[in-house]
Amino acid sequence: MTDKATFMWLFAWLTIASAMVSCNAGDGRKIESPWGVVNDSAGVGDSFDLDRIQANGEIIVLTLGGPDSYYDYRGRHLGLQYILCQRFADHIGVGLRVEVCRDTTDILRRLAADDGDVAACFVSDNDVAVLSPGTRRLQSCGVGIDSVGVHWVVSADKPNLVEALNGWYRPEMIAEVRKEESFMLSSASVKRRVHSPMLNRKEGIISRYDALFMTYSQPIRWDWRLMAAQCYQESTFDPSAQSWAGACGLMQIMPATATRLGLSHDKLFDPESNIAAAARFLGQLDRKFSDISDRGERLNFVLASYNGGYHHIRDAMALARRDGRDQHRWADVSRYVLLLSTPRYYQDPIVKYGYMRGSETVDYVQRIRQRWQSYSGVRGGTAGVSVMTPRKAKQQKKKYQI
């Protein structure tokens, strides 16, 4: 049989099979096809119970944005409900997809429509029947606090999922996760060796990496001492520092960020590669804030974005603009960075990226600027432009065996 004849034969069979499927899809009956008898198991009204969730390889969780449920922290997802969901997904061997909803009513409406598998938020057992629209019955199960009668919710049409959740959950999990998250958000979660803020104050040497800061700050027109101050805040000059979230090296670069910057993961802990990539990232952020004409102000926004995320800072700027404040002035915007940790603000329709740990970001900017000021007497550079020559930089790298 020629290639053309083979193609025409396959096309004919596919056309017939397609027609048969369109005639029978949704009725749950067996369908004849060129490859034998198949079962149409995706009929209308079928529920994705545990076996189908596992076969699909993904569980869809509906939740709210916020510190106790789900939020983004330096490129990683956190929140009590999210961490518990991730543990359950790992337990049943599937991936996790999170859908953030407007409110509890929206969650239960979507759950009743089978747009998700689990409502991962605490809903009153008495409210489940009242707040769930549609004909699909909903059931409280799994994670919850029995003393106040609140639990996760799933469709009663998924008995195996209900059983799996009830069998997996232990009441002590909530306290365990809260403790784990508190540790992850503390400085103790960063594995690093703490070095002095000044290697040799008498000789005006901040760190053994001064030559690298001088070299790579030049293209982005940063004061090398500001970059040194940021490095101390990130890693205390420890090139092997690593956080629980996976941030690596002197400038605590996340692997995903490294990929975007063209830094191979095997170079994340190399001092020069790490600093060079961080400088590229700072330059990118600087350009993103080109609407801020005052360079001194722009530095605050760049540092804040490096720590808390560019989109969160833009959310704070949008809030400041709406309230008649100067969105290009850090003193005005930092107030809203702090307020993004309260529901009234992170749930505001103008906010696109939800909750953030604003106090950490504001403190980050303040500490770096204070240390930068303390480094201001160190010779070797002027604000914005380094005067380190390539020869001197090479000599210093050799001296400290970088």
Protein backbone atom coordinates (compact mmCIF):
# COMPACT_ATOMS: atom_id res chain seq x y z
CA MET A 1 0.00 0.00 0.00
CA THR A 2 1.40 3.40 -0.96
CA ASP A 3 1.93 6.19 1.57
CA LYS A 4 -0.94 8.13 0.01
CA ALA A 5 -3.28 5.11 0.22
CA THR A 6 -2.28 4.51 3.84
CA PHE A 7 -2.98 8.15 4.70
CA MET A 8 -6.42 8.00 3.03
CA TRP A 9 -7.28 4.77 4.90
CA LEU A 10 -6.33 6.28 8.28
CA PHE A 11 -8.21 9.48 7.48
CA ALA A 12 -11.37 7.50 6.66
CA TRP A 13 -11.17 5.51 9.90
CA LEU A 14 -10.57 8.65 11.96
CA THR A 15 -13.57 10.35 10.36
CA ILE A 16 -15.80 7.37 11.20
CA ALA A 17 -14.46 7.16 14.75
CA SER A 18 -15.00 10.87 15.28
CA ALA A 19 -18.58 10.60 14.10
CA MET A 20 -19.28 7.65 16.41
CA VAL A 21 -17.78 9.47 19.41
CA SER A 22 -19.83 12.61 18.70
CA CYS A 23 -22.99 10.49 18.56
CA ASN A 24 -22.29 8.61 21.79
CA ALA A 25 -20.15 11.03 23.89
CA GLY A 26 -21.52 11.66 27.33
CA ASP A 27 -23.81 8.62 27.65
CA GLY A 28 -21.22 6.40 29.36
CA ARG A 29 -21.70 3.55 26.84
CA LYS A 30 -19.05 1.50 25.10
CA ILE A 31 -17.96 2.81 21.70
CA GLU A 32 -16.76 0.82 18.72
CA SER A 33 -13.59 2.16 17.11
CA PRO A 34 -10.94 0.90 14.66
CA TRP A 35 -8.83 0.02 17.72
CA GLY A 36 -11.47 -2.02 19.48
CA VAL A 37 -14.09 -1.29 22.12
CA VAL A 38 -13.44 1.69 24.39
CA ASN A 39 -15.43 2.97 27.33
CA ASP A 40 -16.67 6.54 27.26
CA SER A 41 -15.86 7.31 30.90
CA ALA A 42 -16.19 11.11 30.69
CA GLY A 43 -19.94 11.30 30.62
CA VAL A 44 -21.85 14.38 31.59
CA GLY A 45 -22.36 14.54 35.35
CA ASP A 46 -19.43 12.25 36.14
CA SER A 47 -17.42 13.33 39.17
CA PHE A 48 -13.65 13.36 39.34
CA ASP A 49 -13.24 11.08 42.32
CA LEU A 50 -9.86 10.04 43.69
CA ASP A 51 -9.05 7.44 41.03
CA ARG A 52 -9.63 9.90 38.19
CA ILE A 53 -7.72 12.65 40.00
CA GLN A 54 -4.77 10.29 40.29
CA ALA A 55 -5.09 9.19 36.68
CA ASN A 56 -5.20 12.83 35.60
CA GLY A 57 -2.12 13.55 37.73
CA GLU A 58 -3.44 16.78 39.25
CA ILE A 59 -5.72 17.90 42.06
CA ILE A 60 -7.43 21.30 41.72
CA VAL A 61 -7.75 23.25 44.94
CA LEU A 62 -9.97 26.30 45.41
CA THR A 63 -8.88 28.73 48.10
CA LEU A 64 -8.54 32.37 49.12
CA GLY A 65 -5.51 34.62 48.92
CA GLY A 66 -3.98 35.63 52.24
CA PRO A 67 -1.41 34.77 54.92
CA ASP A 68 -3.44 31.87 56.33
CA SER A 69 -4.32 30.38 52.99
CA TYR A 70 -2.12 31.09 49.95
CA TYR A 71 0.39 33.73 48.89
CA ASP A 72 3.62 34.23 46.99
CA TYR A 73 6.84 34.81 48.93
CA ARG A 74 10.02 35.52 46.94
CA GLY A 75 8.94 33.18 44.17
CA ARG A 76 7.66 30.41 46.44
CA HIS A 77 4.09 29.65 47.53
CA LEU A 78 3.21 29.68 51.20
CA GLY A 79 0.18 29.78 53.49
CA LEU A 80 -1.29 27.26 55.90
CA GLN A 81 -3.89 25.91 53.47
CA TYR A 82 -1.42 25.75 50.58
CA ILE A 83 1.18 23.80 52.55
CA LEU A 84 -1.45 21.33 53.75
CA CYS A 85 -2.73 20.96 50.18
CA GLN A 86 0.77 20.29 48.91
CA ARG A 87 1.24 17.63 51.57
CA PHE A 88 -1.99 15.91 50.59
CA ALA A 89 -1.14 16.11 46.88
CA ASP A 90 2.22 14.47 47.64
CA HIS A 91 0.41 11.85 49.73
CA ILE A 92 -1.81 10.75 46.82
CA GLY A 93 0.97 11.20 44.25
CA VAL A 94 -0.35 14.06 42.10
CA GLY A 95 0.54 17.62 41.20
CA LEU A 96 -1.22 20.58 42.76
CA ARG A 97 -3.05 23.40 40.97
CA VAL A 98 -4.38 26.28 43.06
CA GLU A 99 -7.24 28.53 41.96
CA VAL A 100 -7.68 31.71 44.03
CA CYS A 101 -11.33 32.74 44.42
CA ARG A 102 -13.02 35.99 45.46
CA ASP A 103 -14.71 34.71 48.60
CA THR A 104 -16.15 31.61 50.26
CA THR A 105 -19.39 31.84 48.29
CA ASP A 106 -17.44 31.84 45.03
CA ILE A 107 -15.43 28.82 46.20
CA LEU A 108 -18.51 26.75 47.04
CA ARG A 109 -20.26 27.77 43.82
CA ARG A 110 -17.29 26.60 41.77
CA LEU A 111 -16.96 23.43 43.84
CA ALA A 112 -20.62 22.61 43.24
CA ALA A 113 -20.03 23.11 39.52
CA ASP A 114 -17.09 20.67 39.73
CA ASP A 115 -14.59 23.37 38.75
CA GLY A 116 -12.35 22.14 41.55
CA ASP A 117 -11.78 19.12 43.76
CA VAL A 118 -11.27 20.61 47.22
CA ALA A 119 -12.28 23.86 48.91
CA ALA A 120 -9.17 24.51 50.99
CA CYS A 121 -10.45 27.10 53.41
CA PHE A 122 -12.21 26.82 56.73
CA VAL A 123 -15.96 26.82 56.15
CA SER A 124 -18.52 26.43 58.90
CA ASP A 125 -20.14 23.01 58.77
CA ASN A 126 -23.52 24.70 59.25
CA ASP A 127 -22.91 27.04 56.31
CA VAL A 128 -22.00 24.40 53.75
CA ALA A 129 -25.59 23.55 52.84
CA VAL A 130 -26.69 27.19 52.88
CA LEU A 131 -23.82 28.59 50.80
CA SER A 132 -23.54 25.80 48.23
CA PRO A 133 -25.62 26.50 45.11
CA GLY A 134 -26.62 23.99 42.46
CA THR A 135 -27.68 20.37 42.79
CA ARG A 136 -24.34 18.80 43.74
CA ARG A 137 -24.20 18.10 47.48
CA LEU A 138 -21.12 19.29 49.36
CA GLN A 139 -19.54 17.68 52.40
CA SER A 140 -17.22 18.89 55.16
CA CYS A 141 -14.18 16.67 55.60
CA GLY A 142 -10.43 16.49 56.03
CA VAL A 143 -8.58 19.48 57.44
CA GLY A 144 -10.54 21.34 60.09
CA ILE A 145 -10.93 22.51 63.64
CA ASP A 146 -13.61 20.40 65.26
CA SER A 147 -13.95 22.63 68.32
CA VAL A 148 -15.33 25.48 66.21
CA GLY A 149 -16.92 23.33 63.50
CA VAL A 150 -14.95 24.43 60.43
CA HIS A 151 -13.46 22.16 57.76
CA TRP A 152 -12.42 21.82 54.15
CA VAL A 153 -15.23 20.97 51.75
CA VAL A 154 -15.51 18.52 48.85
CA SER A 155 -18.32 17.21 46.71
CA ALA A 156 -20.26 14.37 48.29
CA ASP A 157 -20.08 12.74 44.84
CA LYS A 158 -16.42 11.96 45.58
CA PRO A 159 -16.61 9.42 48.44
CA ASN A 160 -13.12 8.05 47.83
CA LEU A 161 -11.61 11.53 48.01
CA VAL A 162 -13.55 12.20 51.22
CA GLU A 163 -12.25 8.95 52.70
CA ALA A 164 -8.66 9.72 51.63
CA LEU A 165 -8.77 13.20 53.17
CA ASN A 166 -10.24 11.96 56.45
CA GLY A 167 -7.72 9.13 56.65
CA TRP A 168 -4.74 11.37 55.88
CA TYR A 169 -5.48 14.36 58.11
CA ARG A 170 -4.32 14.55 61.72
CA PRO A 171 -5.44 17.45 63.97
CA GLU A 172 -1.85 18.20 65.01
CA MET A 173 -0.93 18.97 61.38
CA ILE A 174 -2.14 22.57 61.67
CA ALA A 175 0.23 23.38 64.54
CA GLU A 176 3.07 21.55 62.77
CA VAL A 177 2.61 23.55 59.57
CA ARG A 178 2.34 26.87 61.41
CA LYS A 179 5.59 26.10 63.22
CA GLU A 180 7.28 25.03 59.97
CA GLU A 181 6.16 28.17 58.15
CA SER A 182 7.26 30.42 61.02
CA PHE A 183 10.73 28.88 60.85
CA MET A 184 10.93 29.24 57.07
CA LEU A 185 10.14 32.94 57.35
CA SER A 186 12.78 33.54 60.02
CA SER A 187 16.44 34.35 59.43
CA ALA A 188 17.31 31.02 61.04
CA SER A 189 16.08 29.24 57.91
CA VAL A 190 18.99 30.65 55.88
CA LYS A 191 22.06 28.46 56.15
CA ARG A 192 25.01 30.82 56.23
CA ARG A 193 28.13 31.73 58.10
CA VAL A 194 27.85 35.25 59.49
CA HIS A 195 30.78 37.48 58.58
CA SER A 196 31.63 40.95 59.84
CA PRO A 197 30.01 43.89 58.02
CA MET A 198 33.57 45.20 57.43
CA LEU A 199 36.53 42.99 56.60
CA ASN A 200 39.11 45.68 57.45
CA ARG A 201 37.73 49.04 58.56
CA LYS A 202 41.18 50.59 58.98
CA GLU A 203 42.13 49.86 55.38
CA GLY A 204 38.65 50.64 54.08
CA ILE A 205 37.94 47.10 52.86
CA ILE A 206 34.29 46.12 53.15
CA SER A 207 34.62 42.52 51.97
CA ARG A 208 36.81 40.23 49.97
CA TYR A 209 34.38 40.77 47.08
CA ASP A 210 34.82 44.55 46.78
CA ALA A 211 36.53 44.22 43.41
CA LEU A 212 33.57 42.27 42.06
CA PHE A 213 31.07 44.82 43.35
CA MET A 214 33.13 47.58 41.74
CA THR A 215 33.39 45.74 38.44
CA TYR A 216 29.75 44.71 38.02
CA SER A 217 28.15 47.83 39.47
CA GLN A 218 29.65 49.95 36.68
CA PRO A 219 27.35 48.84 33.81
CA ILE A 220 24.23 49.58 35.87
CA ARG A 221 25.72 52.80 37.33
CA TRP A 222 25.27 51.75 40.95
CA ASP A 223 27.52 52.73 43.82
CA TRP A 224 29.50 49.56 44.50
CA ARG A 225 29.10 50.19 48.23
CA LEU A 226 25.31 49.99 47.87
CA MET A 227 25.69 46.59 46.21
CA ALA A 228 28.01 45.52 49.04
CA ALA A 229 25.42 46.67 51.60
CA GLN A 230 22.73 44.65 49.81
CA CYS A 231 24.97 41.60 49.70
CA TYR A 232 25.52 41.76 53.45
CA GLN A 233 21.77 41.95 53.99
CA GLU A 234 21.24 38.93 51.73
CA SER A 235 24.01 36.58 52.82
CA THR A 236 26.37 38.37 55.24
CA PHE A 237 29.08 37.84 52.58
CA ASP A 238 28.78 34.03 52.74
CA PRO A 239 29.06 32.64 49.17
CA SER A 240 27.63 29.28 50.29
CA ALA A 241 24.48 30.76 51.88
CA GLN A 242 21.22 29.02 50.97
CA SER A 243 17.66 29.64 52.09
CA TRP A 244 14.82 27.15 52.54
CA ALA A 245 13.24 28.60 49.39
CA GLY A 246 16.30 27.72 47.32
CA ALA A 247 17.88 31.19 47.09
CA CYS A 248 21.62 30.71 46.63
CA GLY A 249 24.94 32.43 47.06
CA LEU A 250 26.10 35.90 47.94
CA MET A 251 23.12 37.72 46.45
CA GLN A 252 20.58 34.94 47.24
CA ILE A 253 19.45 34.32 43.68
CA MET A 254 16.54 31.95 43.12
CA PRO A 255 17.18 29.15 40.58
CA ALA A 256 14.24 30.32 38.42
CA THR A 257 15.67 33.85 38.39
CA ALA A 258 19.10 32.45 37.54
CA THR A 259 17.64 30.69 34.51
CA ARG A 260 16.07 33.92 33.25
CA LEU A 261 19.39 35.72 33.76
CA GLY A 262 21.40 33.08 31.90
CA LEU A 263 23.20 31.87 35.03
CA SER A 264 23.68 28.10 35.01
CA HIS A 265 22.66 26.42 38.24
CA ASP A 266 26.10 24.93 38.75
CA LYS A 267 27.44 28.51 38.98
CA LEU A 268 24.95 29.75 41.58
CA PHE A 269 27.50 29.57 44.39
CA ASP A 270 30.37 30.98 42.37
CA PRO A 271 30.94 34.50 43.80
CA GLU A 272 31.69 36.29 40.55
CA SER A 273 28.90 34.59 38.57
CA ASN A 274 26.41 35.24 41.36
CA ILE A 275 27.29 38.93 41.69
CA ALA A 276 27.32 39.42 37.91
CA ALA A 277 23.85 37.88 37.59
CA ALA A 278 22.52 39.96 40.50
CA ALA A 279 23.83 43.11 38.81
CA ARG A 280 21.98 42.14 35.61
CA PHE A 281 18.81 41.61 37.60
CA LEU A 282 19.18 44.97 39.36
CA GLY A 283 19.70 46.60 35.98
CA GLN A 284 16.52 45.00 34.64
CA LEU A 285 14.53 46.22 37.64
CA ASP A 286 16.04 49.67 37.28
CA ARG A 287 14.78 49.87 33.70
CA LYS A 288 11.32 48.66 34.75
CA PHE A 289 11.09 51.68 37.03
CA SER A 290 12.13 54.16 34.37
CA ASP A 291 8.94 56.11 35.14
CA ILE A 292 10.61 57.20 38.41
CA SER A 293 12.84 60.04 37.29
CA ASP A 294 14.56 60.65 40.63
CA ARG A 295 17.40 58.14 40.75
CA GLY A 296 17.64 58.14 44.54
CA GLU A 297 13.97 57.25 44.81
CA ARG A 298 14.25 54.63 42.08
CA LEU A 299 16.91 52.77 44.08
CA ASN A 300 14.37 52.23 46.88
CA PHE A 301 11.86 50.70 44.48
CA VAL A 302 14.51 48.46 42.89
CA LEU A 303 15.65 47.15 46.27
CA ALA A 304 12.05 46.60 47.37
CA SER A 305 11.31 44.64 44.19
CA TYR A 306 14.43 42.52 44.60
CA ASN A 307 13.11 41.45 47.99
CA GLY A 308 9.31 41.53 47.74
CA GLY A 309 8.67 41.15 44.02
CA TYR A 310 8.16 43.70 41.26
CA HIS A 311 4.41 43.12 40.88
CA HIS A 312 3.70 43.57 44.59
CA ILE A 313 5.48 46.93 44.51
CA ARG A 314 3.46 47.97 41.49
CA ASP A 315 0.30 47.02 43.42
CA ALA A 316 1.39 49.31 46.26
CA MET A 317 2.08 52.09 43.76
CA ALA A 318 -1.41 51.68 42.29
CA LEU A 319 -2.97 52.00 45.74
CA ALA A 320 -0.92 55.13 46.46
CA ARG A 321 -1.99 56.69 43.15
CA ARG A 322 -5.64 55.90 43.80
CA ASP A 323 -5.48 57.57 47.22
CA GLY A 324 -3.92 60.72 45.82
CA ARG A 325 -0.39 60.07 47.06
CA ASP A 326 2.86 60.21 45.10
CA GLN A 327 3.38 56.78 43.57
CA HIS A 328 6.98 57.68 42.71
CA ARG A 329 7.96 58.52 46.29
CA TRP A 330 9.04 55.64 48.53
CA ALA A 331 7.85 57.36 51.71
CA ASP A 332 4.31 57.29 50.28
CA VAL A 333 4.43 53.89 48.61
CA SER A 334 6.11 52.06 51.52
CA ARG A 335 2.99 52.77 53.58
CA TYR A 336 0.96 50.70 51.13
CA VAL A 337 3.61 47.99 50.99
CA LEU A 338 2.95 47.58 54.71
CA LEU A 339 -0.82 47.68 54.21
CA LEU A 340 -0.69 44.84 51.66
CA SER A 341 -0.56 42.47 54.63
CA THR A 342 -4.12 43.43 55.66
CA PRO A 343 -7.26 42.00 53.97
CA ARG A 344 -8.80 45.40 53.24
CA TYR A 345 -5.88 46.18 50.94
CA TYR A 346 -4.70 42.85 49.50
CA GLN A 347 -8.31 42.00 48.63
CA ASP A 348 -8.88 45.38 46.97
CA PRO A 349 -9.86 44.94 43.27
CA ILE A 350 -7.01 47.23 42.22
CA VAL A 351 -4.49 44.77 43.71
CA LYS A 352 -3.54 42.10 41.19
CA TYR A 353 -1.01 40.02 43.13
CA GLY A 354 -2.57 39.77 46.58
CA TYR A 355 -0.99 39.50 49.98
CA MET A 356 2.67 40.28 50.68
CA ARG A 357 4.86 40.38 53.78
CA GLY A 358 5.32 44.12 53.49
CA SER A 359 7.05 44.70 56.81
CA GLU A 360 9.96 42.52 55.73
CA THR A 361 10.39 44.44 52.47
CA VAL A 362 10.24 47.89 54.10
CA ASP A 363 12.76 46.76 56.72
CA TYR A 364 14.98 45.32 53.96
CA VAL A 365 15.19 48.66 52.15
CA GLN A 366 15.79 50.59 55.35
CA ARG A 367 18.58 48.31 56.59
CA ILE A 368 20.43 48.37 53.27
CA ARG A 369 20.26 52.14 53.03
CA GLN A 370 21.52 52.49 56.61
CA ARG A 371 24.45 50.14 55.95
CA TRP A 372 25.16 51.94 52.67
CA GLN A 373 25.41 55.17 54.62
CA SER A 374 27.83 53.55 57.06
CA TYR A 375 29.95 52.45 54.08
CA SER A 376 29.92 55.95 52.56
CA GLY A 377 33.36 56.81 53.95
CA VAL A 378 34.97 53.86 52.18
CA ARG A 379 37.10 55.07 49.30
CA GLY A 380 37.11 53.49 45.87
CA GLY A 381 33.86 54.67 44.37
CA THR A 382 31.43 57.55 44.08
CA ALA A 383 27.66 57.40 44.01
CA GLY A 384 26.61 55.78 40.76
CA VAL A 385 30.07 55.38 39.22
CA SER A 386 32.94 53.17 40.38
CA VAL A 387 36.53 54.27 39.75
CA MET A 388 38.02 50.79 40.19
CA THR A 389 40.28 50.07 37.22
CA PRO A 390 40.36 46.59 35.62
CA ARG A 391 43.96 46.19 36.80
CA LYS A 392 43.09 46.99 40.42
CA ALA A 393 40.08 44.71 40.29
CA LYS A 394 42.23 41.86 38.98
CA GLN A 395 44.79 42.45 41.75
CA GLN A 396 42.12 42.34 44.46
CA LYS A 397 40.55 39.16 43.05
CA LYS A 398 43.98 37.53 43.11
CA LYS A 399 44.70 38.78 46.65
CA TYR A 400 41.54 37.19 48.02
CA GLN A 401 41.63 34.15 45.71
CA ILE A 402 38.18 34.79 44.28
